[in-house]
Amino acid sequence: MHPDLPTPITPPRPRIVIDTNVCLDLFVFRDPRWQGLMDALQSGAVEAVTRADCRQEWQMVLHYSHLPISDETRPGFNAAYDALITCLAPEALTPRTDIRLPLCTDRDDQKFLELALGAHAATLITKDKALLKLARKTAKIGLFAIIPPQAWVIPASHPV
């Protein structure tokens, strides 16, 4: 590299938030429809983040009796989640008092909106209808996109 030329800047990886149901599809059911998302997570092309209460919801769901999860398989699902989704400490999240988040009709899902805002995520990936209904509102105020997993594509600047 020539010393007089500027060093190329690598844009930061897009930061995303993935809700619990999509995580189940990725880690438990290995849904082939979301393989592009899994590939992006595994390659580091995107940075998926969570926070303690969202991670706790994930762990709680892994105990639902109707899911094909046993005491033997649960640790593996947790390890896969923890390997690909970074749990941010509270001090790593930036509270935004200048922005009023729309309220989700499902109070349990409000935390994903708060996480996406505080983590400066580009995208919240969800199948939850109550969250998806808020996509226009967050876009209108210049926040993160809220999209279903089938609409997600890896940004061209970060190929897998």
Protein backbone atom coordinates (compact mmCIF):
# COMPACT_ATOMS: atom_id res chain seq x y z
CA MET A 1 0.00 0.00 0.00
CA HIS A 2 1.30 3.43 -0.93
CA PRO A 3 1.95 5.66 2.13
CA ASP A 4 0.41 8.74 0.46
CA LEU A 5 -2.88 7.04 -0.29
CA PRO A 6 -5.61 6.94 2.33
CA THR A 7 -6.24 3.62 3.98
CA PRO A 8 -9.51 2.17 2.74
CA ILE A 9 -12.16 2.27 5.42
CA THR A 10 -14.09 -0.91 6.01
CA PRO A 11 -17.64 0.03 6.90
CA PRO A 12 -18.82 -1.40 10.21
CA ARG A 13 -20.82 -4.59 10.05
CA PRO A 14 -24.56 -3.98 9.99
CA ARG A 15 -25.99 -4.54 13.45
CA ILE A 16 -29.21 -6.50 13.67
CA VAL A 17 -31.66 -7.66 16.32
CA ILE A 18 -33.39 -11.02 15.85
CA ASP A 19 -36.49 -11.82 17.87
CA THR A 20 -36.99 -15.07 19.74
CA ASN A 21 -39.23 -16.81 17.18
CA VAL A 22 -36.77 -16.21 14.36
CA CYS A 23 -33.99 -17.49 16.66
CA LEU A 24 -36.01 -20.67 17.16
CA ASP A 25 -36.21 -21.06 13.38
CA LEU A 26 -32.46 -20.51 13.04
CA PHE A 27 -31.07 -22.52 15.94
CA VAL A 28 -33.69 -25.17 16.79
CA PHE A 29 -35.58 -25.84 13.56
CA ARG A 30 -32.73 -24.89 11.19
CA ASP A 31 -35.27 -23.46 8.76
CA PRO A 32 -33.63 -23.56 5.32
CA ARG A 33 -35.52 -20.41 4.29
CA TRP A 34 -33.32 -18.37 6.63
CA GLN A 35 -30.02 -20.00 5.63
CA GLY A 36 -28.76 -16.71 4.16
CA LEU A 37 -29.23 -15.08 7.54
CA MET A 38 -27.47 -17.96 9.30
CA ASP A 39 -24.61 -17.74 6.80
CA ALA A 40 -24.26 -14.01 7.46
CA LEU A 41 -24.18 -14.63 11.23
CA GLN A 42 -21.61 -17.41 10.92
CA SER A 43 -19.35 -15.44 8.58
CA GLY A 44 -19.50 -12.30 10.71
CA ALA A 45 -20.99 -10.27 7.85
CA VAL A 46 -23.54 -8.93 10.33
CA GLU A 47 -23.44 -8.39 14.07
CA ALA A 48 -26.49 -9.75 15.87
CA VAL A 49 -27.05 -8.34 19.35
CA THR A 50 -29.30 -8.95 22.29
CA ARG A 51 -29.60 -7.82 25.89
CA ALA A 52 -30.16 -9.70 29.13
CA ASP A 53 -33.98 -9.71 29.14
CA CYS A 54 -34.20 -10.78 25.49
CA ARG A 55 -31.66 -13.55 26.11
CA GLN A 56 -33.62 -14.61 29.20
CA GLU A 57 -36.76 -14.90 27.05
CA TRP A 58 -34.79 -17.15 24.65
CA GLN A 59 -33.70 -19.39 27.52
CA MET A 60 -37.23 -19.54 28.91
CA VAL A 61 -38.68 -20.53 25.52
CA LEU A 62 -36.17 -23.38 25.28
CA HIS A 63 -38.09 -24.98 28.17
CA TYR A 64 -41.49 -24.96 26.41
CA SER A 65 -42.75 -28.54 26.42
CA HIS A 66 -44.24 -28.34 22.91
CA LEU A 67 -40.81 -27.70 21.35
CA PRO A 68 -38.51 -30.55 20.28
CA ILE A 69 -35.93 -29.65 22.93
CA SER A 70 -34.62 -31.88 25.69
CA ASP A 71 -32.29 -31.39 28.61
CA GLU A 72 -29.61 -32.97 26.42
CA THR A 73 -30.09 -30.65 23.41
CA ARG A 74 -30.83 -27.38 25.24
CA PRO A 75 -27.17 -26.56 26.08
CA GLY A 76 -26.24 -26.90 22.40
CA PHE A 77 -28.98 -24.49 21.32
CA ASN A 78 -27.86 -22.02 23.98
CA ALA A 79 -24.22 -22.34 22.92
CA ALA A 80 -25.08 -21.77 19.25
CA TYR A 81 -27.12 -18.68 20.17
CA ASP A 82 -24.38 -17.29 22.41
CA ALA A 83 -21.72 -17.92 19.76
CA LEU A 84 -23.54 -15.85 17.13
CA ILE A 85 -25.52 -13.26 19.10
CA THR A 86 -23.68 -10.82 21.36
CA CYS A 87 -25.37 -9.99 24.64
CA LEU A 88 -24.68 -6.31 25.22
CA ALA A 89 -24.13 -4.98 28.71
CA PRO A 90 -26.50 -2.17 29.74
CA GLU A 91 -23.69 0.39 29.49
CA ALA A 92 -23.14 -0.59 25.83
CA LEU A 93 -26.68 0.50 24.98
CA THR A 94 -27.28 4.17 24.30
CA PRO A 95 -30.52 5.44 25.78
CA ARG A 96 -32.22 7.80 23.31
CA THR A 97 -34.33 10.33 25.17
CA ASP A 98 -34.67 12.42 22.00
CA ILE A 99 -36.69 9.72 20.22
CA ARG A 100 -40.05 8.37 21.23
CA LEU A 101 -40.37 4.75 20.24
CA PRO A 102 -43.73 3.55 19.01
CA LEU A 103 -45.46 1.27 21.51
CA CYS A 104 -45.96 -2.36 20.62
CA THR A 105 -49.38 -3.77 21.40
CA ASP A 106 -47.60 -6.84 22.78
CA ARG A 107 -45.74 -5.51 25.82
CA ASP A 108 -43.43 -8.53 25.82
CA ASP A 109 -42.07 -7.42 22.44
CA GLN A 110 -41.36 -3.79 23.36
CA LYS A 111 -37.93 -4.86 24.61
CA PHE A 112 -36.87 -5.75 21.05
CA LEU A 113 -37.72 -2.22 19.89
CA GLU A 114 -35.80 -0.76 22.82
CA LEU A 115 -32.83 -3.02 22.08
CA ALA A 116 -32.77 -2.08 18.38
CA LEU A 117 -32.88 1.61 19.28
CA GLY A 118 -30.30 1.48 22.09
CA ALA A 119 -27.93 -0.73 20.10
CA HIS A 120 -28.21 1.46 16.98
CA ALA A 121 -29.30 -1.58 14.99
CA ALA A 122 -30.01 -1.22 11.30
CA THR A 123 -32.69 -3.90 11.31
CA LEU A 124 -35.04 -5.79 13.63
CA ILE A 125 -35.88 -9.18 12.12
CA THR A 126 -39.16 -10.62 13.35
CA LYS A 127 -42.21 -12.66 12.39
CA ASP A 128 -44.29 -11.02 15.11
CA LYS A 129 -47.29 -9.21 13.62
CA ALA A 130 -47.42 -6.60 16.39
CA LEU A 131 -43.80 -5.61 15.71
CA LEU A 132 -44.15 -5.74 11.92
CA LYS A 133 -47.08 -3.30 12.15
CA LEU A 134 -44.65 -0.71 13.54
CA ALA A 135 -42.29 -0.84 10.53
CA ARG A 136 -43.72 2.28 8.89
CA LYS A 137 -43.54 4.24 12.11
CA THR A 138 -39.89 3.45 12.79
CA ALA A 139 -39.00 4.14 9.15
CA LYS A 140 -40.88 7.45 9.21
CA ILE A 141 -38.79 8.73 12.12
CA GLY A 142 -35.55 7.45 10.59
CA LEU A 143 -34.94 4.49 12.87
CA PHE A 144 -34.21 0.84 12.17
CA ALA A 145 -36.09 -1.27 9.66
CA ILE A 146 -38.51 -3.89 10.98
CA ILE A 147 -38.76 -6.77 8.54
CA PRO A 148 -39.72 -10.43 8.40
CA PRO A 149 -36.84 -12.86 7.85
CA GLN A 150 -37.89 -13.57 4.26
CA ALA A 151 -37.34 -9.88 3.40
CA TRP A 152 -33.83 -9.74 4.85
CA VAL A 153 -30.88 -9.61 2.48
CA ILE A 154 -27.20 -9.16 3.26
CA PRO A 155 -26.12 -5.61 2.45
CA ALA A 156 -24.01 -5.49 -0.72
CA SER A 157 -21.14 -3.86 1.19
CA HIS A 158 -20.89 -6.94 3.45
CA PRO A 159 -21.05 -10.10 1.33
CA VAL A 160 -20.94 -13.42 3.12
